[in-house]
């Protein structure tokens, strides 16, 4: 649930930044940038964790499960990094 709520907050912040960019030049605050960086860093760490578990697991079902989680976190990492690079 915590991850889901943080995703909603991240999407809301990105959408708010996009709307502010339409209205005029957006100046990202340092706390906003720090939050984005913390989120995409966390997503990268979770990707590395689940990818390592996927590679070391011997059970095919668990490999599939860990692989799907790793893929999900990698996608979140890419989106967070793109948002960070675009706004900060």
PDB file of N, CA and C in Angstrom:
ATOM      1  N   UNK A   1       0.827  -1.188   0.000  1.00  0.00           N
ATOM      2  CA  UNK A   1       0.000   0.000   0.000  1.00  0.00           C
ATOM      3  C   UNK A   1       0.871   1.252   0.000  1.00  0.00           C
ATOM      4  N   UNK A   2       1.988   1.205   0.739  1.00  0.00           N
ATOM      5  CA  UNK A   2       2.871   2.359   0.824  1.00  0.00           C
ATOM      6  C   UNK A   2       3.451   2.709  -0.549  1.00  0.00           C
ATOM      7  N   UNK A   3       3.856   1.674  -1.289  1.00  0.00           N
ATOM      8  CA  UNK A   3       4.409   1.891  -2.625  1.00  0.00           C
ATOM      9  C   UNK A   3       3.350   2.486  -3.535  1.00  0.00           C
ATOM     10  N   UNK A   4       2.113   1.993  -3.434  1.00  0.00           N
ATOM     11  CA  UNK A   4       1.024   2.494  -4.264  1.00  0.00           C
ATOM     12  C   UNK A   4       0.777   3.973  -3.991  1.00  0.00           C
ATOM     13  N   UNK A   5       0.754   4.367  -2.721  1.00  0.00           N
ATOM     14  CA  UNK A   5       0.519   5.770  -2.373  1.00  0.00           C
ATOM     15  C   UNK A   5       1.665   6.659  -2.830  1.00  0.00           C
ATOM     16  N   UNK A   6       2.902   6.156  -2.740  1.00  0.00           N
ATOM     17  CA  UNK A   6       4.023   6.968  -3.202  1.00  0.00           C
ATOM     18  C   UNK A   6       3.968   7.151  -4.713  1.00  0.00           C
ATOM     19  N   UNK A   7       3.468   6.147  -5.440  1.00  0.00           N
ATOM     20  CA  UNK A   7       3.317   6.277  -6.899  1.00  0.00           C
ATOM     21  C   UNK A   7       2.275   7.352  -7.228  1.00  0.00           C
ATOM     22  N   UNK A   8       1.181   7.363  -6.479  1.00  0.00           N
ATOM     23  CA  UNK A   8       0.153   8.386  -6.700  1.00  0.00           C
ATOM     24  C   UNK A   8       0.736   9.768  -6.440  1.00  0.00           C
ATOM     25  N   UNK A   9       1.507   9.902  -5.372  1.00  0.00           N
ATOM     26  CA  UNK A   9       2.122  11.191  -5.055  1.00  0.00           C
ATOM     27  C   UNK A   9       3.097  11.608  -6.149  1.00  0.00           C
ATOM     28  N   UNK A  10       3.865  10.659  -6.663  1.00  0.00           N
ATOM     29  CA  UNK A  10       4.824  10.965  -7.720  1.00  0.00           C
ATOM     30  C   UNK A  10       4.104  11.387  -8.998  1.00  0.00           C
ATOM     31  N   UNK A  11       3.057  10.672  -9.374  1.00  0.00           N
ATOM     32  CA  UNK A  11       2.299  11.013 -10.585  1.00  0.00           C
ATOM     33  C   UNK A  11       1.644  12.380 -10.432  1.00  0.00           C
ATOM     34  N   UNK A  12       1.100  12.656  -9.260  1.00  0.00           N
ATOM     35  CA  UNK A  12       0.477  13.954  -8.999  1.00  0.00           C
ATOM     36  C   UNK A  12       1.503  15.070  -9.091  1.00  0.00           C
ATOM     37  N   UNK A  13       2.685  14.837  -8.531  1.00  0.00           N
ATOM     38  CA  UNK A  13       3.735  15.854  -8.574  1.00  0.00           C
ATOM     39  C   UNK A  13       4.202  16.102 -10.004  1.00  0.00           C
ATOM     40  N   UNK A  14       4.325  15.042 -10.781  1.00  0.00           N
ATOM     41  CA  UNK A  14       4.751  15.196 -12.176  1.00  0.00           C
ATOM     42  C   UNK A  14       3.684  15.925 -12.980  1.00  0.00           C
ATOM     43  N   UNK A  15       2.423  15.557 -12.775  1.00  0.00           N
ATOM     44  CA  UNK A  15       1.333  16.230 -13.487  1.00  0.00           C
ATOM     45  C   UNK A  15       1.269  17.702 -13.091  1.00  0.00           C
ATOM     46  N   UNK A  16       1.454  17.992 -11.809  1.00  0.00           N
ATOM     47  CA  UNK A  16       1.467  19.384 -11.354  1.00  0.00           C
ATOM     48  C   UNK A  16       2.612  20.160 -11.974  1.00  0.00           C
ATOM     49  N   UNK A  17       3.760  19.522 -12.089  1.00  0.00           N
ATOM     50  CA  UNK A  17       4.901  20.167 -12.730  1.00  0.00           C
ATOM     51  C   UNK A  17       4.657  20.414 -14.205  1.00  0.00           C
ATOM     52  N   UNK A  18       3.978  19.474 -14.855  1.00  0.00           N
ATOM     53  CA  UNK A  18       3.663  19.649 -16.276  1.00  0.00           C
ATOM     54  C   UNK A  18       2.691  20.804 -16.471  1.00  0.00           C
ATOM     55  N   UNK A  19       1.694  20.909 -15.609  1.00  0.00           N
ATOM     56  CA  UNK A  19       0.747  22.019 -15.712  1.00  0.00           C
ATOM     57  C   UNK A  19       1.430  23.349 -15.419  1.00  0.00           C
ATOM     58  N   UNK A  20       2.334  23.360 -14.474  1.00  0.00           N
ATOM     59  CA  UNK A  20       3.071  24.588 -14.178  1.00  0.00           C
ATOM     60  C   UNK A  20       3.957  24.969 -15.359  1.00  0.00           C
ATOM     61  N   UNK A  21       4.483  23.965 -16.053  1.00  0.00           N
ATOM     62  CA  UNK A  21       5.308  24.233 -17.223  1.00  0.00           C
ATOM     63  C   UNK A  21       4.511  24.847 -18.359  1.00  0.00           C
ATOM     64  N   UNK A  22       3.243  24.490 -18.466  1.00  0.00           N
ATOM     65  CA  UNK A  22       2.380  25.081 -19.485  1.00  0.00           C
ATOM     66  C   UNK A  22       2.120  26.549 -19.161  1.00  0.00           C
ATOM     67  N   UNK A  23       1.930  26.840 -17.881  1.00  0.00           N
ATOM     68  CA  UNK A  23       1.618  28.208 -17.458  1.00  0.00           C
ATOM     69  C   UNK A  23       2.827  29.126 -17.555  1.00  0.00           C
ATOM     70  N   UNK A  24       3.997  28.604 -17.423  1.00  0.00           N
ATOM     71  CA  UNK A  24       5.207  29.420 -17.458  1.00  0.00           C
ATOM     72  C   UNK A  24       6.404  28.564 -17.114  1.00  0.00           C
ATOM     73  N   UNK A  25       7.581  29.179 -17.053  1.00  0.00           N
ATOM     74  CA  UNK A  25       8.772  28.389 -16.749  1.00  0.00           C
ATOM     75  C   UNK A  25       8.685  27.790 -15.346  1.00  0.00           C
ATOM     76  N   UNK A  26       8.930  26.504 -15.258  1.00  0.00           N
ATOM     77  CA  UNK A  26       8.850  25.813 -13.966  1.00  0.00           C
ATOM     78  C   UNK A  26      10.214  25.824 -13.293  1.00  0.00           C
ATOM     79  N   UNK A  27      10.215  26.137 -12.041  1.00  0.00           N
ATOM     80  CA  UNK A  27      11.437  26.084 -11.244  1.00  0.00           C
ATOM     81  C   UNK A  27      11.224  25.034 -10.171  1.00  0.00           C
ATOM     82  N   UNK A  28      11.888  23.909 -10.335  1.00  0.00           N
ATOM     83  CA  UNK A  28      11.719  22.817  -9.382  1.00  0.00           C
ATOM     84  C   UNK A  28      12.393  23.178  -8.066  1.00  0.00           C
ATOM     85  N   UNK A  29      11.698  22.910  -6.985  1.00  0.00           N
ATOM     86  CA  UNK A  29      12.262  23.182  -5.668  1.00  0.00           C
ATOM     87  C   UNK A  29      13.235  22.075  -5.295  1.00  0.00           C
ATOM     88  N   UNK A  30      14.121  22.395  -4.380  1.00  0.00           N
ATOM     89  CA  UNK A  30      15.115  21.402  -3.981  1.00  0.00           C
ATOM     90  C   UNK A  30      14.465  20.221  -3.259  1.00  0.00           C
ATOM     91  N   UNK A  31      13.391  20.470  -2.501  1.00  0.00           N
ATOM     92  CA  UNK A  31      12.728  19.353  -1.820  1.00  0.00           C
ATOM     93  C   UNK A  31      12.011  18.454  -2.823  1.00  0.00           C
ATOM     94  N   UNK A  32      11.446  19.036  -3.854  1.00  0.00           N
ATOM     95  CA  UNK A  32      10.793  18.251  -4.907  1.00  0.00           C
ATOM     96  C   UNK A  32      11.823  17.371  -5.613  1.00  0.00           C
ATOM     97  N   UNK A  33      12.955  17.967  -5.967  1.00  0.00           N
ATOM     98  CA  UNK A  33      14.007  17.209  -6.646  1.00  0.00           C
ATOM     99  C   UNK A  33      14.581  16.123  -5.738  1.00  0.00           C
ATOM    100  N   UNK A  34      14.744  16.445  -4.467  1.00  0.00           N
ATOM    101  CA  UNK A  34      15.259  15.452  -3.523  1.00  0.00           C
ATOM    102  C   UNK A  34      14.285  14.283  -3.392  1.00  0.00           C
ATOM    103  N   UNK A  35      12.996  14.581  -3.382  1.00  0.00           N
ATOM    104  CA  UNK A  35      11.991  13.522  -3.309  1.00  0.00           C
ATOM    105  C   UNK A  35      11.998  12.636  -4.542  1.00  0.00           C
ATOM    106  N   UNK A  36      12.111  13.255  -5.713  1.00  0.00           N
ATOM    107  CA  UNK A  36      12.185  12.469  -6.950  1.00  0.00           C
ATOM    108  C   UNK A  36      13.416  11.572  -6.951  1.00  0.00           C
ATOM    109  N   UNK A  37      14.549  12.152  -6.539  1.00  0.00           N
ATOM    110  CA  UNK A  37      15.792  11.380  -6.536  1.00  0.00           C
ATOM    111  C   UNK A  37      15.714  10.226  -5.541  1.00  0.00           C
ATOM    112  N   UNK A  38      15.148  10.485  -4.375  1.00  0.00           N
ATOM    113  CA  UNK A  38      15.001   9.422  -3.373  1.00  0.00           C
ATOM    114  C   UNK A  38      14.104   8.306  -3.897  1.00  0.00           C
ATOM    115  N   UNK A  39      13.040   8.676  -4.598  1.00  0.00           N
ATOM    116  CA  UNK A  39      12.106   7.662  -5.107  1.00  0.00           C
ATOM    117  C   UNK A  39      12.742   6.817  -6.199  1.00  0.00           C
ATOM    118  N   UNK A  40      13.425   7.460  -7.166  1.00  0.00           N
ATOM    119  CA  UNK A  40      13.989   6.635  -8.230  1.00  0.00           C
ATOM    120  C   UNK A  40      15.191   5.837  -7.740  1.00  0.00           C
ATOM    121  N   UNK A  41      15.898   6.333  -6.730  1.00  0.00           N
ATOM    122  CA  UNK A  41      16.991   5.563  -6.140  1.00  0.00           C
ATOM    123  C   UNK A  41      16.441   4.338  -5.407  1.00  0.00           C
ATOM    124  N   UNK A  42      15.343   4.525  -4.703  1.00  0.00           N
ATOM    125  CA  UNK A  42      14.694   3.406  -4.017  1.00  0.00           C
ATOM    126  C   UNK A  42      14.215   2.364  -5.026  1.00  0.00           C
ATOM    127  N   UNK A  43      13.635   2.824  -6.126  1.00  0.00           N
ATOM    128  CA  UNK A  43      13.178   1.900  -7.166  1.00  0.00           C
ATOM    129  C   UNK A  43      14.347   1.129  -7.770  1.00  0.00           C
ATOM    130  N   UNK A  44      15.483   1.797  -7.966  1.00  0.00           N
ATOM    131  CA  UNK A  44      16.664   1.118  -8.499  1.00  0.00           C
ATOM    132  C   UNK A  44      17.152   0.052  -7.525  1.00  0.00           C
ATOM    133  N   UNK A  45      17.193   0.378  -6.242  1.00  0.00           N
ATOM    134  CA  UNK A  45      17.632  -0.595  -5.241  1.00  0.00           C
ATOM    135  C   UNK A  45      16.704  -1.806  -5.190  1.00  0.00           C
ATOM    136  N   UNK A  46      15.397  -1.560  -5.286  1.00  0.00           N
ATOM    137  CA  UNK A  46      14.447  -2.675  -5.278  1.00  0.00           C
ATOM    138  C   UNK A  46      14.588  -3.514  -6.551  1.00  0.00           C
ATOM    139  N   UNK A  47      14.845  -2.878  -7.686  1.00  0.00           N
ATOM    140  CA  UNK A  47      15.084  -3.617  -8.924  1.00  0.00           C
ATOM    141  C   UNK A  47      16.300  -4.532  -8.764  1.00  0.00           C
ATOM    142  N   UNK A  48      17.386  -3.978  -8.229  1.00  0.00           N
ATOM    143  CA  UNK A  48      18.598  -4.774  -8.051  1.00  0.00           C
ATOM    144  C   UNK A  48      18.356  -5.944  -7.093  1.00  0.00           C
ATOM    145  N   UNK A  49      17.598  -5.705  -6.042  1.00  0.00           N
ATOM    146  CA  UNK A  49      17.279  -6.758  -5.071  1.00  0.00           C
ATOM    147  C   UNK A  49      16.512  -7.894  -5.736  1.00  0.00           C
ATOM    148  N   UNK A  50      15.425  -7.558  -6.430  1.00  0.00           N
ATOM    149  CA  UNK A  50      14.595  -8.602  -7.028  1.00  0.00           C
ATOM    150  C   UNK A  50      15.260  -9.259  -8.232  1.00  0.00           C
ATOM    151  N   UNK A  51      16.082  -8.533  -8.947  1.00  0.00           N
ATOM    152  CA  UNK A  51      16.793  -9.139 -10.066  1.00  0.00           C
ATOM    153  C   UNK A  51      17.828 -10.140  -9.550  1.00  0.00           C
ATOM    154  N   UNK A  52      18.494  -9.793  -8.446  1.00  0.00           N
ATOM    155  CA  UNK A  52      19.442 -10.727  -7.837  1.00  0.00           C
ATOM    156  C   UNK A  52      18.722 -11.980  -7.347  1.00  0.00           C
ATOM    157  N   UNK A  53      17.569 -11.795  -6.704  1.00  0.00           N
ATOM    158  CA  UNK A  53      16.786 -12.950  -6.260  1.00  0.00           C
ATOM    159  C   UNK A  53      16.339 -13.803  -7.447  1.00  0.00           C
ATOM    160  N   UNK A  54      15.968 -13.150  -8.534  1.00  0.00           N
ATOM    161  CA  UNK A  54      15.556 -13.880  -9.738  1.00  0.00           C
ATOM    162  C   UNK A  54      16.705 -14.727 -10.276  1.00  0.00           C
ATOM    163  N   UNK A  55      17.888 -14.137 -10.302  1.00  0.00           N
ATOM    164  CA  UNK A  55      19.037 -14.843 -10.865  1.00  0.00           C
ATOM    165  C   UNK A  55      19.521 -15.989  -9.982  1.00  0.00           C
ATOM    166  N   UNK A  56      19.322 -15.879  -8.670  1.00  0.00           N
ATOM    167  CA  UNK A  56      19.827 -16.909  -7.759  1.00  0.00           C
ATOM    168  C   UNK A  56      18.778 -17.950  -7.376  1.00  0.00           C
ATOM    169  N   UNK A  57      17.533 -17.730  -7.718  1.00  0.00           N
ATOM    170  CA  UNK A  57      16.470 -18.669  -7.356  1.00  0.00           C
ATOM    171  C   UNK A  57      16.535 -19.915  -8.236  1.00  0.00           C
ATOM    172  N   UNK A  58      16.252 -21.052  -7.616  1.00  0.00           N
ATOM    173  CA  UNK A  58      16.238 -22.304  -8.378  1.00  0.00           C
ATOM    174  C   UNK A  58      14.822 -22.728  -8.757  1.00  0.00           C
ATOM    175  N   UNK A  59      13.829 -22.168  -8.099  1.00  0.00           N
ATOM    176  CA  UNK A  59      12.427 -22.501  -8.376  1.00  0.00           C
ATOM    177  C   UNK A  59      11.925 -21.659  -9.558  1.00  0.00           C
ATOM    178  N   UNK A  60      11.463 -22.294 -10.638  1.00  0.00           N
ATOM    179  CA  UNK A  60      11.010 -21.532 -11.813  1.00  0.00           C
ATOM    180  C   UNK A  60       9.860 -20.570 -11.508  1.00  0.00           C
ATOM    181  N   UNK A  61       8.953 -20.964 -10.624  1.00  0.00           N
ATOM    182  CA  UNK A  61       7.840 -20.084 -10.264  1.00  0.00           C
ATOM    183  C   UNK A  61       8.316 -18.830  -9.553  1.00  0.00           C
ATOM    184  N   UNK A  62       9.274 -18.996  -8.648  1.00  0.00           N
ATOM    185  CA  UNK A  62       9.810 -17.836  -7.932  1.00  0.00           C
ATOM    186  C   UNK A  62      10.648 -16.957  -8.864  1.00  0.00           C
ATOM    187  N   UNK A  63      11.344 -17.585  -9.810  1.00  0.00           N
ATOM    188  CA  UNK A  63      12.106 -16.796 -10.789  1.00  0.00           C
ATOM    189  C   UNK A  63      11.168 -15.888 -11.584  1.00  0.00           C
ATOM    190  N   UNK A  64      10.024 -16.433 -11.972  1.00  0.00           N
ATOM    191  CA  UNK A  64       9.033 -15.649 -12.709  1.00  0.00           C
ATOM    192  C   UNK A  64       8.477 -14.530 -11.837  1.00  0.00           C
ATOM    193  N   UNK A  65       8.168 -14.846 -10.587  1.00  0.00           N
ATOM    194  CA  UNK A  65       7.636 -13.853  -9.648  1.00  0.00           C
ATOM    195  C   UNK A  65       8.647 -12.730  -9.416  1.00  0.00           C
ATOM    196  N   UNK A  66       9.894 -13.092  -9.109  1.00  0.00           N
ATOM    197  CA  UNK A  66      10.921 -12.071  -8.876  1.00  0.00           C
ATOM    198  C   UNK A  66      11.203 -11.270 -10.146  1.00  0.00           C
ATOM    199  N   UNK A  67      11.142 -11.934 -11.288  1.00  0.00           N
ATOM    200  CA  UNK A  67      11.359 -11.237 -12.551  1.00  0.00           C
ATOM    201  C   UNK A  67      10.289 -10.199 -12.829  1.00  0.00           C
ATOM    202  N   UNK A  68       9.037 -10.526 -12.501  1.00  0.00           N
ATOM    203  CA  UNK A  68       7.959  -9.558 -12.728  1.00  0.00           C
ATOM    204  C   UNK A  68       8.099  -8.366 -11.786  1.00  0.00           C
ATOM    205  N   UNK A  69       8.495  -8.628 -10.538  1.00  0.00           N
ATOM    206  CA  UNK A  69       8.717  -7.514  -9.607  1.00  0.00           C
ATOM    207  C   UNK A  69       9.893  -6.653 -10.057  1.00  0.00           C
ATOM    208  N   UNK A  70      10.971  -7.296 -10.502  1.00  0.00           N
ATOM    209  CA  UNK A  70      12.134  -6.552 -10.975  1.00  0.00           C
ATOM    210  C   UNK A  70      11.759  -5.678 -12.170  1.00  0.00           C
ATOM    211  N   UNK A  71      10.976  -6.218 -13.076  1.00  0.00           N
ATOM    212  CA  UNK A  71      10.548  -5.462 -14.248  1.00  0.00           C
ATOM    213  C   UNK A  71       9.714  -4.249 -13.854  1.00  0.00           C
ATOM    214  N   UNK A  72       8.827  -4.446 -12.895  1.00  0.00           N
ATOM    215  CA  UNK A  72       7.968  -3.361 -12.423  1.00  0.00           C
ATOM    216  C   UNK A  72       8.799  -2.229 -11.799  1.00  0.00           C
ATOM    217  N   UNK A  73       9.763  -2.614 -10.955  1.00  0.00           N
ATOM    218  CA  UNK A  73      10.601  -1.599 -10.314  1.00  0.00           C
ATOM    219  C   UNK A  73      11.530  -0.919 -11.318  1.00  0.00           C
ATOM    220  N   UNK A  74      11.993  -1.666 -12.329  1.00  0.00           N
ATOM    221  CA  UNK A  74      12.857  -1.043 -13.326  1.00  0.00           C
ATOM    222  C   UNK A  74      12.089  -0.004 -14.137  1.00  0.00           C
ATOM    223  N   UNK A  75      10.844  -0.309 -14.471  1.00  0.00           N
ATOM    224  CA  UNK A  75      10.002   0.655 -15.181  1.00  0.00           C
ATOM    225  C   UNK A  75       9.782   1.903 -14.336  1.00  0.00           C
ATOM    226  N   UNK A  76       9.513   1.717 -13.055  1.00  0.00           N
ATOM    227  CA  UNK A  76       9.326   2.859 -12.150  1.00  0.00           C
ATOM    228  C   UNK A  76      10.604   3.676 -12.041  1.00  0.00           C
ATOM    229  N   UNK A  77      11.739   2.984 -11.989  1.00  0.00           N
ATOM    230  CA  UNK A  77      13.033   3.675 -11.937  1.00  0.00           C
ATOM    231  C   UNK A  77      13.243   4.528 -13.185  1.00  0.00           C
ATOM    232  N   UNK A  78      12.975   3.965 -14.353  1.00  0.00           N
ATOM    233  CA  UNK A  78      13.153   4.711 -15.600  1.00  0.00           C
ATOM    234  C   UNK A  78      12.254   5.942 -15.649  1.00  0.00           C
ATOM    235  N   UNK A  79      11.010   5.798 -15.230  1.00  0.00           N
ATOM    236  CA  UNK A  79      10.079   6.923 -15.241  1.00  0.00           C
ATOM    237  C   UNK A  79      10.509   7.998 -14.248  1.00  0.00           C
ATOM    238  N   UNK A  80      10.944   7.584 -13.069  1.00  0.00           N
ATOM    239  CA  UNK A  80      11.404   8.539 -12.060  1.00  0.00           C
ATOM    240  C   UNK A  80      12.650   9.272 -12.503  1.00  0.00           C
ATOM    241  N   UNK A  81      13.583   8.552 -13.103  1.00  0.00           N
ATOM    242  CA  UNK A  81      14.807   9.182 -13.591  1.00  0.00           C
ATOM    243  C   UNK A  81      14.494  10.175 -14.705  1.00  0.00           C
ATOM    244  N   UNK A  82      13.594   9.812 -15.605  1.00  0.00           N
ATOM    245  CA  UNK A  82      13.209  10.720 -16.690  1.00  0.00           C
ATOM    246  C   UNK A  82      12.553  11.981 -16.135  1.00  0.00           C
ATOM    247  N   UNK A  83      11.691  11.822 -15.136  1.00  0.00           N
ATOM    248  CA  UNK A  83      11.047  12.983 -14.514  1.00  0.00           C
ATOM    249  C   UNK A  83      12.080  13.859 -13.824  1.00  0.00           C
ATOM    250  N   UNK A  84      13.026  13.247 -13.153  1.00  0.00           N
ATOM    251  CA  UNK A  84      14.085  14.001 -12.462  1.00  0.00           C
ATOM    252  C   UNK A  84      14.930  14.783 -13.472  1.00  0.00           C
ATOM    253  N   UNK A  85      15.331  14.122 -14.542  1.00  0.00           N
ATOM    254  CA  UNK A  85      16.169  14.784 -15.543  1.00  0.00           C
ATOM    255  C   UNK A  85      15.416  15.894 -16.269  1.00  0.00           C
ATOM    256  N   UNK A  86      14.114  15.737 -16.415  1.00  0.00           N
ATOM    257  CA  UNK A  86      13.329  16.743 -17.126  1.00  0.00           C
ATOM    258  C   UNK A  86      13.047  17.977 -16.274  1.00  0.00           C
ATOM    259  N   UNK A  87      12.984  17.819 -14.965  1.00  0.00           N
ATOM    260  CA  UNK A  87      12.563  18.940 -14.118  1.00  0.00           C
ATOM    261  C   UNK A  87      13.653  19.504 -13.223  1.00  0.00           C
ATOM    262  N   UNK A  88      14.701  18.750 -12.961  1.00  0.00           N
ATOM    263  CA  UNK A  88      15.698  19.225 -11.988  1.00  0.00           C
ATOM    264  C   UNK A  88      17.039  19.548 -12.638  1.00  0.00           C
TER     265      UNK A  88
END
